[in-house]
Amino acid sequence: MNDRKTYIMKRLTEHYEYLQKKGYTVVCLMLQGSQNYGLDEYSDEYQSDIDSKAIVLPDFRDIVYEKPAVSAVEILENGEHIDVKDIRVMFEMFEKQNLSYIELLYTDFRIINPHYADLISPIFMFRSDIAALNRNQFLRCILGMSGNKVKALCHPYPNLMDKINKYGFDGKQLSHCARLYELTMKVIKGLPLEECYPCVQFHDICMNYKKQLAADGSRYLTQEEAIELCAKYFDLTDALVRSNLLPHDEVNTDTIKWMDEIKYNVLRRKFMEDICNEEIKFR
């Protein structure tokens, strides 16, 4: 692809506009997935999806009538996914050190609503503080995600039935297991997280795994080989995580309070405008 960045941002803009048309108040929309690891490809043989996650705001009326916080997935006609999260839910994911959400803070591709940019931008400026909120939990989340990939390797999800029937497994899950092992090694070495997410050492191997190929790309893997490899990468990750956990969780409560203040200020601005608009409407 000649201009990868332009293509990705064009798709993200369409995601952003789609949510606006659906009536969401979007604070920020961020790219998720293979592009953030440098494992995307756009060829006749393989096309990486452009998927995203979005922070949205409730209306003041939603709070008064105790509507549940939004946590939903919007699926576009082309199959791309937008994971939509109320700011309260999204910040809870950050606090829980959920790996796929911390990733969002490190992507090079995002769209911020200018109306909230002054309030929400600090989460990207001080992302390392959020990512270091609870090191033990962050490592456990890596291991948990790796375990989920092992379970998903041969699972017959409806959208993967063709692949499962043909190869017996989904190579994307194997690729994730290898990538997560590399990520764990980098995190434990103490590298900055922006250097940890991109897959470098296992890049070519992971790209082959995604296509159900052996590490060197010379042939297709059997189901048995894929299961064995997936288990191997999980065991390696498990050993690293368990041997590097601190005796006790160390939680930075100051960072949690700081995040709560950002959330409060964003919602305060939104609710004040909602109330003002209601008063104007009924005059």
C-alpha atoms as a PDB file:
ATOM      1  CA  MET A   1       0.000   0.000   0.000  1.00  0.00           C
ATOM      2  CA  ASN A   2       1.455   3.352  -1.052  1.00  0.00           C
ATOM      3  CA  ASP A   3       0.193   5.441   1.844  1.00  0.00           C
ATOM      4  CA  ARG A   4      -0.656   3.281   4.829  1.00  0.00           C
ATOM      5  CA  LYS A   5      -1.147   6.200   7.222  1.00  0.00           C
ATOM      6  CA  THR A   6      -3.594   7.996   4.924  1.00  0.00           C
ATOM      7  CA  TYR A   7      -5.591   4.805   4.407  1.00  0.00           C
ATOM      8  CA  ILE A   8      -5.813   4.068   8.141  1.00  0.00           C
ATOM      9  CA  MET A   9      -6.819   7.616   9.047  1.00  0.00           C
ATOM     10  CA  LYS A  10      -9.444   7.653   6.302  1.00  0.00           C
ATOM     11  CA  ARG A  11     -11.006   4.514   7.747  1.00  0.00           C
ATOM     12  CA  LEU A  12     -10.865   5.904  11.298  1.00  0.00           C
ATOM     13  CA  THR A  13     -12.538   9.098  10.141  1.00  0.00           C
ATOM     14  CA  GLU A  14     -15.342   7.014   8.685  1.00  0.00           C
ATOM     15  CA  HIS A  15     -15.661   5.176  12.008  1.00  0.00           C
ATOM     16  CA  TYR A  16     -15.823   8.507  13.859  1.00  0.00           C
ATOM     17  CA  GLU A  17     -18.476   9.908  11.537  1.00  0.00           C
ATOM     18  CA  TYR A  18     -20.470   6.676  11.729  1.00  0.00           C
ATOM     19  CA  LEU A  19     -20.675   6.954  15.527  1.00  0.00           C
ATOM     20  CA  GLN A  20     -21.668  10.606  15.329  1.00  0.00           C
ATOM     21  CA  LYS A  21     -24.506   9.749  12.951  1.00  0.00           C
ATOM     22  CA  LYS A  22     -25.630   7.056  15.393  1.00  0.00           C
ATOM     23  CA  GLY A  23     -25.996   9.775  18.035  1.00  0.00           C
ATOM     24  CA  TYR A  24     -22.916   9.067  20.130  1.00  0.00           C
ATOM     25  CA  THR A  25     -20.954  11.900  21.717  1.00  0.00           C
ATOM     26  CA  VAL A  26     -17.444  10.745  20.860  1.00  0.00           C
ATOM     27  CA  VAL A  27     -14.550  12.015  22.950  1.00  0.00           C
ATOM     28  CA  CYS A  28     -11.849  10.011  21.255  1.00  0.00           C
ATOM     29  CA  LEU A  29     -11.549   7.184  18.739  1.00  0.00           C
ATOM     30  CA  MET A  30      -8.392   5.059  18.642  1.00  0.00           C
ATOM     31  CA  LEU A  31      -7.028   2.343  16.391  1.00  0.00           C
ATOM     32  CA  GLN A  32      -6.776  -1.157  17.820  1.00  0.00           C
ATOM     33  CA  GLY A  33      -5.140  -4.291  16.502  1.00  0.00           C
ATOM     34  CA  SER A  34      -2.408  -5.403  14.138  1.00  0.00           C
ATOM     35  CA  GLN A  35      -1.401  -1.933  12.913  1.00  0.00           C
ATOM     36  CA  ASN A  36      -0.275  -1.071  16.437  1.00  0.00           C
ATOM     37  CA  TYR A  37       2.125  -4.039  16.409  1.00  0.00           C
ATOM     38  CA  GLY A  38       3.407  -3.503  12.865  1.00  0.00           C
ATOM     39  CA  LEU A  39       1.733  -6.758  11.824  1.00  0.00           C
ATOM     40  CA  ASP A  40      -0.731  -5.383   9.289  1.00  0.00           C
ATOM     41  CA  GLU A  41      -0.701  -6.296   5.615  1.00  0.00           C
ATOM     42  CA  TYR A  42      -2.628  -5.065   2.554  1.00  0.00           C
ATOM     43  CA  SER A  43      -2.174  -7.429  -0.353  1.00  0.00           C
ATOM     44  CA  ASP A  44      -4.170  -9.701  -2.613  1.00  0.00           C
ATOM     45  CA  GLU A  45      -3.282 -12.524  -0.243  1.00  0.00           C
ATOM     46  CA  TYR A  46      -4.125 -10.836   3.072  1.00  0.00           C
ATOM     47  CA  GLN A  47      -6.048  -7.711   4.093  1.00  0.00           C
ATOM     48  CA  SER A  48      -5.827  -6.408   7.644  1.00  0.00           C
ATOM     49  CA  ASP A  49      -9.016  -4.967   9.097  1.00  0.00           C
ATOM     50  CA  ILE A  50      -9.151  -1.462  10.496  1.00  0.00           C
ATOM     51  CA  ASP A  51     -10.813  -1.806  13.898  1.00  0.00           C
ATOM     52  CA  SER A  52     -11.159   0.840  16.580  1.00  0.00           C
ATOM     53  CA  LYS A  53     -12.248   1.611  20.104  1.00  0.00           C
ATOM     54  CA  ALA A  54     -14.105   4.787  21.061  1.00  0.00           C
ATOM     55  CA  ILE A  55     -14.651   6.719  24.278  1.00  0.00           C
ATOM     56  CA  VAL A  56     -18.199   8.121  24.354  1.00  0.00           C
ATOM     57  CA  LEU A  57     -20.176  10.190  26.846  1.00  0.00           C
ATOM     58  CA  PRO A  58     -23.593   9.627  28.357  1.00  0.00           C
ATOM     59  CA  ASP A  59     -26.245  12.337  28.354  1.00  0.00           C
ATOM     60  CA  PHE A  60     -27.212  13.876  31.681  1.00  0.00           C
ATOM     61  CA  ARG A  61     -30.668  12.405  31.150  1.00  0.00           C
ATOM     62  CA  ASP A  62     -29.072   8.925  30.930  1.00  0.00           C
ATOM     63  CA  ILE A  63     -27.600   9.430  34.394  1.00  0.00           C
ATOM     64  CA  VAL A  64     -30.863  10.691  35.897  1.00  0.00           C
ATOM     65  CA  TYR A  65     -32.801   7.736  34.507  1.00  0.00           C
ATOM     66  CA  GLU A  66     -30.014   5.335  35.520  1.00  0.00           C
ATOM     67  CA  LYS A  67     -29.398   3.929  32.071  1.00  0.00           C
ATOM     68  CA  PRO A  68     -26.474   1.485  32.018  1.00  0.00           C
ATOM     69  CA  ALA A  69     -23.152   2.781  30.760  1.00  0.00           C
ATOM     70  CA  VAL A  70     -22.634   2.023  27.075  1.00  0.00           C
ATOM     71  CA  SER A  71     -20.418  -0.942  26.282  1.00  0.00           C
ATOM     72  CA  ALA A  72     -21.178  -2.177  22.788  1.00  0.00           C
ATOM     73  CA  VAL A  73     -19.646  -3.256  19.504  1.00  0.00           C
ATOM     74  CA  GLU A  74     -20.735  -1.610  16.264  1.00  0.00           C
ATOM     75  CA  ILE A  75     -20.056  -3.743  13.193  1.00  0.00           C
ATOM     76  CA  LEU A  76     -19.771  -1.904   9.893  1.00  0.00           C
ATOM     77  CA  GLU A  77     -20.967  -3.260   6.544  1.00  0.00           C
ATOM     78  CA  ASN A  78     -17.395  -4.159   5.591  1.00  0.00           C
ATOM     79  CA  GLY A  79     -16.985  -6.201   8.783  1.00  0.00           C
ATOM     80  CA  GLU A  80     -14.836  -3.683  10.652  1.00  0.00           C
ATOM     81  CA  HIS A  81     -15.531  -3.362  14.376  1.00  0.00           C
ATOM     82  CA  ILE A  82     -15.871  -0.320  16.621  1.00  0.00           C
ATOM     83  CA  ASP A  83     -15.767  -1.129  20.319  1.00  0.00           C
ATOM     84  CA  VAL A  84     -17.805   1.663  21.949  1.00  0.00           C
ATOM     85  CA  LYS A  85     -17.242   2.371  25.630  1.00  0.00           C
ATOM     86  CA  ASP A  86     -18.700   4.955  28.004  1.00  0.00           C
ATOM     87  CA  ILE A  87     -15.818   6.952  29.510  1.00  0.00           C
ATOM     88  CA  ARG A  88     -16.538   5.366  32.889  1.00  0.00           C
ATOM     89  CA  VAL A  89     -16.160   1.872  31.426  1.00  0.00           C
ATOM     90  CA  MET A  90     -13.069   2.801  29.400  1.00  0.00           C
ATOM     91  CA  PHE A  91     -11.291   4.281  32.402  1.00  0.00           C
ATOM     92  CA  GLU A  92     -12.169   1.183  34.409  1.00  0.00           C
ATOM     93  CA  MET A  93     -10.408  -0.871  31.715  1.00  0.00           C
ATOM     94  CA  PHE A  94      -7.348   1.362  32.036  1.00  0.00           C
ATOM     95  CA  GLU A  95      -7.412   0.927  35.813  1.00  0.00           C
ATOM     96  CA  LYS A  96      -7.682  -2.857  35.436  1.00  0.00           C
ATOM     97  CA  GLN A  97      -4.589  -2.675  33.172  1.00  0.00           C
ATOM     98  CA  ASN A  98      -6.472  -4.442  30.374  1.00  0.00           C
ATOM     99  CA  LEU A  99      -3.780  -4.934  27.747  1.00  0.00           C
ATOM    100  CA  SER A 100      -5.915  -4.238  24.675  1.00  0.00           C
ATOM    101  CA  TYR A 101      -7.035  -0.936  26.228  1.00  0.00           C
ATOM    102  CA  ILE A 102      -3.624   0.246  27.448  1.00  0.00           C
ATOM    103  CA  GLU A 103      -2.566  -0.358  23.828  1.00  0.00           C
ATOM    104  CA  LEU A 104      -4.877   2.471  22.768  1.00  0.00           C
ATOM    105  CA  LEU A 105      -2.782   4.994  24.640  1.00  0.00           C
ATOM    106  CA  TYR A 106       0.226   4.043  22.516  1.00  0.00           C
ATOM    107  CA  THR A 107      -1.279   3.954  19.040  1.00  0.00           C
ATOM    108  CA  ASP A 108      -0.096   6.488  16.481  1.00  0.00           C
ATOM    109  CA  PHE A 109      -3.618   6.627  15.056  1.00  0.00           C
ATOM    110  CA  ARG A 110      -6.422   8.422  16.889  1.00  0.00           C
ATOM    111  CA  ILE A 111      -9.038  11.129  16.441  1.00  0.00           C
ATOM    112  CA  ILE A 112      -9.816  13.405  19.389  1.00  0.00           C
ATOM    113  CA  ASN A 113     -12.971  15.507  19.548  1.00  0.00           C
ATOM    114  CA  PRO A 114     -11.628  19.089  19.607  1.00  0.00           C
ATOM    115  CA  HIS A 115     -14.325  20.088  22.108  1.00  0.00           C
ATOM    116  CA  TYR A 116     -12.770  17.777  24.719  1.00  0.00           C
ATOM    117  CA  ALA A 117      -9.151  17.790  23.562  1.00  0.00           C
ATOM    118  CA  ASP A 118      -7.903  19.968  26.430  1.00  0.00           C
ATOM    119  CA  LEU A 119      -9.388  17.584  28.982  1.00  0.00           C
ATOM    120  CA  ILE A 120      -8.707  14.170  27.427  1.00  0.00           C
ATOM    121  CA  SER A 121      -5.257  14.733  25.865  1.00  0.00           C
ATOM    122  CA  PRO A 122      -3.396  14.252  29.179  1.00  0.00           C
ATOM    123  CA  ILE A 123      -4.178  10.515  29.127  1.00  0.00           C
ATOM    124  CA  PHE A 124      -1.905  10.272  26.081  1.00  0.00           C
ATOM    125  CA  MET A 125       0.692  12.702  27.441  1.00  0.00           C
ATOM    126  CA  PHE A 126       1.035  10.735  30.700  1.00  0.00           C
ATOM    127  CA  ARG A 127       0.227   7.291  29.353  1.00  0.00           C
ATOM    128  CA  SER A 128       3.266   5.724  31.025  1.00  0.00           C
ATOM    129  CA  ASP A 129       1.766   6.554  34.422  1.00  0.00           C
ATOM    130  CA  ILE A 130      -1.453   4.750  33.518  1.00  0.00           C
ATOM    131  CA  ALA A 131       0.438   1.751  32.129  1.00  0.00           C
ATOM    132  CA  ALA A 132       2.545   1.552  35.308  1.00  0.00           C
ATOM    133  CA  LEU A 133      -0.434   1.852  37.653  1.00  0.00           C
ATOM    134  CA  ASN A 134      -0.102  -1.797  38.752  1.00  0.00           C
ATOM    135  CA  ARG A 135       2.827  -3.695  37.212  1.00  0.00           C
ATOM    136  CA  ASN A 136       1.750  -7.075  38.568  1.00  0.00           C
ATOM    137  CA  GLN A 137      -1.712  -6.702  37.120  1.00  0.00           C
ATOM    138  CA  PHE A 138      -0.307  -5.605  33.759  1.00  0.00           C
ATOM    139  CA  LEU A 139       1.814  -8.778  33.582  1.00  0.00           C
ATOM    140  CA  ARG A 140      -1.132 -10.922  34.636  1.00  0.00           C
ATOM    141  CA  CYS A 141      -3.209  -9.348  31.869  1.00  0.00           C
ATOM    142  CA  ILE A 142      -0.577 -10.307  29.282  1.00  0.00           C
ATOM    143  CA  LEU A 143      -0.681 -13.878  30.527  1.00  0.00           C
ATOM    144  CA  GLY A 144      -4.482 -13.893  30.612  1.00  0.00           C
ATOM    145  CA  MET A 145      -4.680 -12.684  27.032  1.00  0.00           C
ATOM    146  CA  SER A 146      -2.194 -15.344  25.937  1.00  0.00           C
ATOM    147  CA  GLY A 147      -4.339 -17.988  27.602  1.00  0.00           C
ATOM    148  CA  ASN A 148      -7.420 -16.695  25.795  1.00  0.00           C
ATOM    149  CA  LYS A 149      -5.614 -17.017  22.464  1.00  0.00           C
ATOM    150  CA  VAL A 150      -4.773 -20.640  23.244  1.00  0.00           C
ATOM    151  CA  LYS A 151      -8.447 -21.348  23.929  1.00  0.00           C
ATOM    152  CA  ALA A 152      -9.526 -19.536  20.754  1.00  0.00           C
ATOM    153  CA  LEU A 153      -7.011 -21.294  18.462  1.00  0.00           C
ATOM    154  CA  CYS A 154      -9.383 -23.998  17.246  1.00  0.00           C
ATOM    155  CA  HIS A 155     -12.703 -22.579  18.426  1.00  0.00           C
ATOM    156  CA  PRO A 156     -15.353 -22.607  15.670  1.00  0.00           C
ATOM    157  CA  TYR A 157     -16.440 -18.977  15.828  1.00  0.00           C
ATOM    158  CA  PRO A 158     -19.072 -18.330  13.107  1.00  0.00           C
ATOM    159  CA  ASN A 159     -16.882 -15.813  11.269  1.00  0.00           C
ATOM    160  CA  LEU A 160     -13.945 -18.251  11.258  1.00  0.00           C
ATOM    161  CA  MET A 161     -15.686 -21.459  10.209  1.00  0.00           C
ATOM    162  CA  ASP A 162     -14.175 -21.447   6.717  1.00  0.00           C
ATOM    163  CA  LYS A 163     -10.679 -21.131   8.162  1.00  0.00           C
ATOM    164  CA  ILE A 164     -11.271 -23.736  10.866  1.00  0.00           C
ATOM    165  CA  ASN A 165     -12.739 -26.198   8.379  1.00  0.00           C
ATOM    166  CA  LYS A 166      -9.835 -25.709   5.989  1.00  0.00           C
ATOM    167  CA  TYR A 167      -6.846 -25.596   8.366  1.00  0.00           C
ATOM    168  CA  GLY A 168      -8.214 -26.764  11.716  1.00  0.00           C
ATOM    169  CA  PHE A 169      -7.095 -23.583  13.506  1.00  0.00           C
ATOM    170  CA  ASP A 170      -6.937 -19.794  13.279  1.00  0.00           C
ATOM    171  CA  GLY A 171      -3.348 -18.705  12.705  1.00  0.00           C
ATOM    172  CA  LYS A 172      -4.107 -15.245  14.031  1.00  0.00           C
ATOM    173  CA  GLN A 173      -4.396 -16.676  17.556  1.00  0.00           C
ATOM    174  CA  LEU A 174      -1.021 -18.408  17.246  1.00  0.00           C
ATOM    175  CA  SER A 175       0.466 -15.160  15.993  1.00  0.00           C
ATOM    176  CA  HIS A 176      -0.857 -13.370  19.080  1.00  0.00           C
ATOM    177  CA  CYS A 177       0.704 -15.953  21.405  1.00  0.00           C
ATOM    178  CA  ALA A 178       4.126 -15.403  19.826  1.00  0.00           C
ATOM    179  CA  ARG A 179       3.696 -11.625  19.868  1.00  0.00           C
ATOM    180  CA  LEU A 180       2.670 -11.635  23.534  1.00  0.00           C
ATOM    181  CA  TYR A 181       5.767 -13.624  24.453  1.00  0.00           C
ATOM    182  CA  GLU A 182       7.956 -10.999  22.774  1.00  0.00           C
ATOM    183  CA  LEU A 183       5.995  -8.253  24.526  1.00  0.00           C
ATOM    184  CA  THR A 184       6.529  -9.917  27.898  1.00  0.00           C
ATOM    185  CA  MET A 185      10.285 -10.168  27.362  1.00  0.00           C
ATOM    186  CA  LYS A 186      10.481  -6.467  26.549  1.00  0.00           C
ATOM    187  CA  VAL A 187       8.308  -5.384  29.494  1.00  0.00           C
ATOM    188  CA  ILE A 188      10.418  -7.402  31.922  1.00  0.00           C
ATOM    189  CA  LYS A 189      13.592  -5.860  30.492  1.00  0.00           C
ATOM    190  CA  GLY A 190      12.114  -2.480  31.428  1.00  0.00           C
ATOM    191  CA  LEU A 191      11.863  -1.067  27.913  1.00  0.00           C
ATOM    192  CA  PRO A 192       9.473   1.876  27.385  1.00  0.00           C
ATOM    193  CA  LEU A 193       6.061   0.517  26.464  1.00  0.00           C
ATOM    194  CA  GLU A 194       6.083   2.350  23.127  1.00  0.00           C
ATOM    195  CA  GLU A 195       8.975   0.030  22.209  1.00  0.00           C
ATOM    196  CA  CYS A 196       7.210  -3.043  23.572  1.00  0.00           C
ATOM    197  CA  TYR A 197       4.005  -3.094  21.547  1.00  0.00           C
ATOM    198  CA  PRO A 198       5.585  -3.216  18.053  1.00  0.00           C
ATOM    199  CA  CYS A 199       6.500  -6.813  17.183  1.00  0.00           C
ATOM    200  CA  VAL A 200      10.091  -6.817  15.899  1.00  0.00           C
ATOM    201  CA  GLN A 201      11.940 -10.003  16.876  1.00  0.00           C
ATOM    202  CA  PHE A 202       9.059 -12.291  15.836  1.00  0.00           C
ATOM    203  CA  HIS A 203       7.670 -10.056  13.080  1.00  0.00           C
ATOM    204  CA  ASP A 204       8.211 -12.384  10.123  1.00  0.00           C
ATOM    205  CA  ILE A 205       7.266 -15.445  12.158  1.00  0.00           C
ATOM    206  CA  CYS A 206       4.010 -13.835  13.278  1.00  0.00           C
ATOM    207  CA  MET A 207       3.156 -12.738   9.749  1.00  0.00           C
ATOM    208  CA  ASN A 208       3.546 -16.355   8.607  1.00  0.00           C
ATOM    209  CA  TYR A 209       1.560 -17.721  11.529  1.00  0.00           C
ATOM    210  CA  LYS A 210      -1.331 -15.398  10.639  1.00  0.00           C
ATOM    211  CA  LYS A 211      -1.576 -17.206   7.306  1.00  0.00           C
ATOM    212  CA  GLN A 212      -1.467 -20.650   8.965  1.00  0.00           C
ATOM    213  CA  LEU A 213       2.114 -21.084   7.765  1.00  0.00           C
ATOM    214  CA  ALA A 214       5.173 -22.453   9.531  1.00  0.00           C
ATOM    215  CA  ALA A 215       7.581 -19.931  11.055  1.00  0.00           C
ATOM    216  CA  ASP A 216       9.711 -19.827   7.893  1.00  0.00           C
ATOM    217  CA  GLY A 217       6.673 -19.647   5.597  1.00  0.00           C
ATOM    218  CA  SER A 218       7.661 -22.805   3.748  1.00  0.00           C
ATOM    219  CA  ARG A 219       4.452 -24.799   4.329  1.00  0.00           C
ATOM    220  CA  TYR A 220       1.105 -24.876   6.086  1.00  0.00           C
ATOM    221  CA  LEU A 221       1.024 -25.992   9.702  1.00  0.00           C
ATOM    222  CA  THR A 222      -1.073 -28.910  10.830  1.00  0.00           C
ATOM    223  CA  GLN A 223      -3.603 -28.422  13.590  1.00  0.00           C
ATOM    224  CA  GLU A 224      -1.456 -30.495  15.938  1.00  0.00           C
ATOM    225  CA  GLU A 225       1.619 -28.367  15.240  1.00  0.00           C
ATOM    226  CA  ALA A 226      -0.340 -25.142  15.798  1.00  0.00           C
ATOM    227  CA  ILE A 227      -1.705 -26.415  19.121  1.00  0.00           C
ATOM    228  CA  GLU A 228       1.787 -27.406  20.254  1.00  0.00           C
ATOM    229  CA  LEU A 229       3.298 -24.054  19.243  1.00  0.00           C
ATOM    230  CA  CYS A 230       0.533 -22.075  20.906  1.00  0.00           C
ATOM    231  CA  ALA A 231       1.012 -24.017  24.145  1.00  0.00           C
ATOM    232  CA  LYS A 232       4.793 -23.479  23.936  1.00  0.00           C
ATOM    233  CA  TYR A 233       4.503 -19.687  23.660  1.00  0.00           C
ATOM    234  CA  PHE A 234       1.960 -19.616  26.490  1.00  0.00           C
ATOM    235  CA  ASP A 235       4.233 -21.690  28.742  1.00  0.00           C
ATOM    236  CA  LEU A 236       7.187 -19.403  28.004  1.00  0.00           C
ATOM    237  CA  THR A 237       5.094 -16.339  28.785  1.00  0.00           C
ATOM    238  CA  ASP A 238       3.714 -17.970  31.926  1.00  0.00           C
ATOM    239  CA  ALA A 239       7.202 -18.764  33.225  1.00  0.00           C
ATOM    240  CA  LEU A 240       8.410 -15.200  32.610  1.00  0.00           C
ATOM    241  CA  VAL A 241       5.395 -13.590  34.236  1.00  0.00           C
ATOM    242  CA  ARG A 242       5.375 -15.811  37.314  1.00  0.00           C
ATOM    243  CA  SER A 243       9.095 -15.357  37.929  1.00  0.00           C
ATOM    244  CA  ASN A 244       8.871 -11.566  37.672  1.00  0.00           C
ATOM    245  CA  LEU A 245       5.795 -10.747  39.739  1.00  0.00           C
ATOM    246  CA  LEU A 246       6.416  -8.607  42.814  1.00  0.00           C
ATOM    247  CA  PRO A 247       5.556 -10.228  46.181  1.00  0.00           C
ATOM    248  CA  HIS A 248       2.593  -7.868  46.523  1.00  0.00           C
ATOM    249  CA  ASP A 249       0.663  -5.653  44.123  1.00  0.00           C
ATOM    250  CA  GLU A 250       1.832  -2.050  44.235  1.00  0.00           C
ATOM    251  CA  VAL A 251      -1.000   0.209  43.081  1.00  0.00           C
ATOM    252  CA  ASN A 252      -0.410   3.891  42.349  1.00  0.00           C
ATOM    253  CA  THR A 253      -3.520   5.426  43.902  1.00  0.00           C
ATOM    254  CA  ASP A 254      -2.410   8.922  42.888  1.00  0.00           C
ATOM    255  CA  THR A 255      -2.738   7.934  39.231  1.00  0.00           C
ATOM    256  CA  ILE A 256      -6.247   6.575  39.893  1.00  0.00           C
ATOM    257  CA  LYS A 257      -7.269   9.864  41.531  1.00  0.00           C
ATOM    258  CA  TRP A 258      -5.804  11.790  38.598  1.00  0.00           C
ATOM    259  CA  MET A 259      -7.776   9.659  36.125  1.00  0.00           C
ATOM    260  CA  ASP A 260     -10.943  10.156  38.181  1.00  0.00           C
ATOM    261  CA  GLU A 261     -10.429  13.899  37.974  1.00  0.00           C
ATOM    262  CA  ILE A 262     -10.104  13.779  34.177  1.00  0.00           C
ATOM    263  CA  LYS A 263     -13.266  11.708  33.939  1.00  0.00           C
ATOM    264  CA  TYR A 264     -15.086  14.121  36.262  1.00  0.00           C
ATOM    265  CA  ASN A 265     -14.072  17.196  34.283  1.00  0.00           C
ATOM    266  CA  VAL A 266     -15.084  15.686  30.937  1.00  0.00           C
ATOM    267  CA  LEU A 267     -18.492  14.615  32.265  1.00  0.00           C
ATOM    268  CA  ARG A 268     -18.971  17.935  34.040  1.00  0.00           C
ATOM    269  CA  ARG A 269     -18.531  19.844  30.790  1.00  0.00           C
ATOM    270  CA  LYS A 270     -20.918  17.514  28.969  1.00  0.00           C
ATOM    271  CA  PHE A 271     -23.630  17.644  31.646  1.00  0.00           C
ATOM    272  CA  MET A 272     -23.465  21.415  32.039  1.00  0.00           C
ATOM    273  CA  GLU A 273     -24.044  21.765  28.304  1.00  0.00           C
ATOM    274  CA  ASP A 274     -26.861  19.209  28.393  1.00  0.00           C
ATOM    275  CA  ILE A 275     -28.620  21.127  31.160  1.00  0.00           C
ATOM    276  CA  CYS A 276     -28.102  24.457  29.397  1.00  0.00           C
ATOM    277  CA  ASN A 277     -29.532  23.063  26.157  1.00  0.00           C
ATOM    278  CA  GLU A 278     -32.547  21.677  28.022  1.00  0.00           C
ATOM    279  CA  GLU A 279     -33.250  25.074  29.574  1.00  0.00           C
ATOM    280  CA  ILE A 280     -33.021  26.808  26.202  1.00  0.00           C
ATOM    281  CA  LYS A 281     -35.352  24.259  24.631  1.00  0.00           C
ATOM    282  CA  PHE A 282     -38.076  24.808  27.221  1.00  0.00           C
ATOM    283  CA  ARG A 283     -37.974  28.594  27.342  1.00  0.00           C
END
